[in-house]
Amino acid sequence: MTEILRQLIAGSAAAVCLAVLATRSDFVFWFNLIISAAIGLGTYFTIPKKRSPREIEVAPGITQDRLDA
């Protein structure tokens, strides 16, 4: 998954969370904002990065770059 798509998904999750909390809860706005930021960061770090073929291990501890060298 590309970096921009990860950021878009995480930002959308945080925005939806903030909208739901702002309309459905009796919490203070700043508390809603903190919860939404935590959900956005959690979503961002949960989605795996796209690794290049050169970073994938062909054997335990050996990447394609080390094998080529």
Protein backbone atom coordinates (compact mmCIF):
# COMPACT_ATOMS: atom_id res chain seq x y z
CA MET A 1 0.00 0.00 0.00
CA THR A 2 1.42 3.39 -0.92
CA GLU A 3 2.24 6.01 1.67
CA ILE A 4 -0.36 8.47 0.39
CA LEU A 5 -3.11 5.85 0.58
CA ARG A 6 -2.09 4.99 4.16
CA GLN A 7 -2.31 8.67 5.09
CA LEU A 8 -5.68 9.09 3.40
CA ILE A 9 -7.18 6.07 5.16
CA ALA A 10 -5.83 7.15 8.56
CA GLY A 11 -7.01 10.72 8.08
CA SER A 12 -10.44 9.56 7.01
CA ALA A 13 -10.73 7.29 10.04
CA ALA A 14 -9.79 10.17 12.34
CA ALA A 15 -12.23 12.54 10.64
CA VAL A 16 -15.12 10.06 10.85
CA CYS A 17 -14.31 9.38 14.49
CA LEU A 18 -14.26 13.10 15.27
CA ALA A 19 -17.56 13.67 13.48
CA VAL A 20 -19.25 10.79 15.30
CA LEU A 21 -17.88 11.79 18.70
CA ALA A 22 -18.75 15.46 18.20
CA THR A 23 -22.37 14.68 17.35
CA ARG A 24 -23.05 11.67 19.59
CA SER A 25 -21.08 12.24 22.81
CA ASP A 26 -21.12 14.75 25.63
CA PHE A 27 -17.35 14.95 25.89
CA VAL A 28 -15.40 18.18 25.63
CA PHE A 29 -14.20 18.98 22.10
CA TRP A 30 -10.52 18.68 23.04
CA PHE A 31 -11.08 15.20 24.44
CA ASN A 32 -12.84 14.21 21.19
CA LEU A 33 -9.90 15.60 19.24
CA ILE A 34 -7.38 13.59 21.26
CA ILE A 35 -9.37 10.36 20.82
CA SER A 36 -9.68 10.99 17.08
CA ALA A 37 -5.95 11.66 16.75
CA ALA A 38 -5.17 8.44 18.62
CA ILE A 39 -7.47 6.47 16.31
CA GLY A 40 -5.89 8.09 13.25
CA LEU A 41 -2.37 7.27 14.44
CA GLY A 42 -3.37 3.75 15.37
CA THR A 43 -4.88 3.22 11.95
CA TYR A 44 -1.80 4.66 10.25
CA PHE A 45 0.62 2.39 12.10
CA THR A 46 -1.61 -0.67 11.74
CA ILE A 47 -1.65 -0.58 7.94
CA PRO A 48 1.52 -2.30 6.66
CA LYS A 49 4.01 -0.44 4.47
CA LYS A 50 4.66 -1.50 0.91
CA ARG A 51 8.13 -2.97 0.81
CA SER A 52 10.28 -2.87 -2.27
CA PRO A 53 11.38 -6.20 -3.76
CA ARG A 54 14.95 -5.33 -2.77
CA GLU A 55 14.00 -5.26 0.95
CA ILE A 56 12.28 -8.65 1.04
CA GLU A 57 14.41 -11.37 2.60
CA VAL A 58 15.23 -14.27 0.29
CA ALA A 59 16.64 -16.23 3.22
CA PRO A 60 16.67 -15.48 6.96
CA GLY A 61 18.80 -12.37 7.42
CA ILE A 62 19.74 -12.02 3.73
CA THR A 63 18.11 -9.44 1.47
CA GLN A 64 18.32 -9.33 -2.30
CA ASP A 65 20.85 -6.45 -2.09
CA ARG A 66 23.19 -8.48 0.11
CA LEU A 67 22.81 -11.46 -2.18
CA ASP A 68 23.74 -9.35 -5.22
CA ALA A 69 26.79 -7.92 -3.44
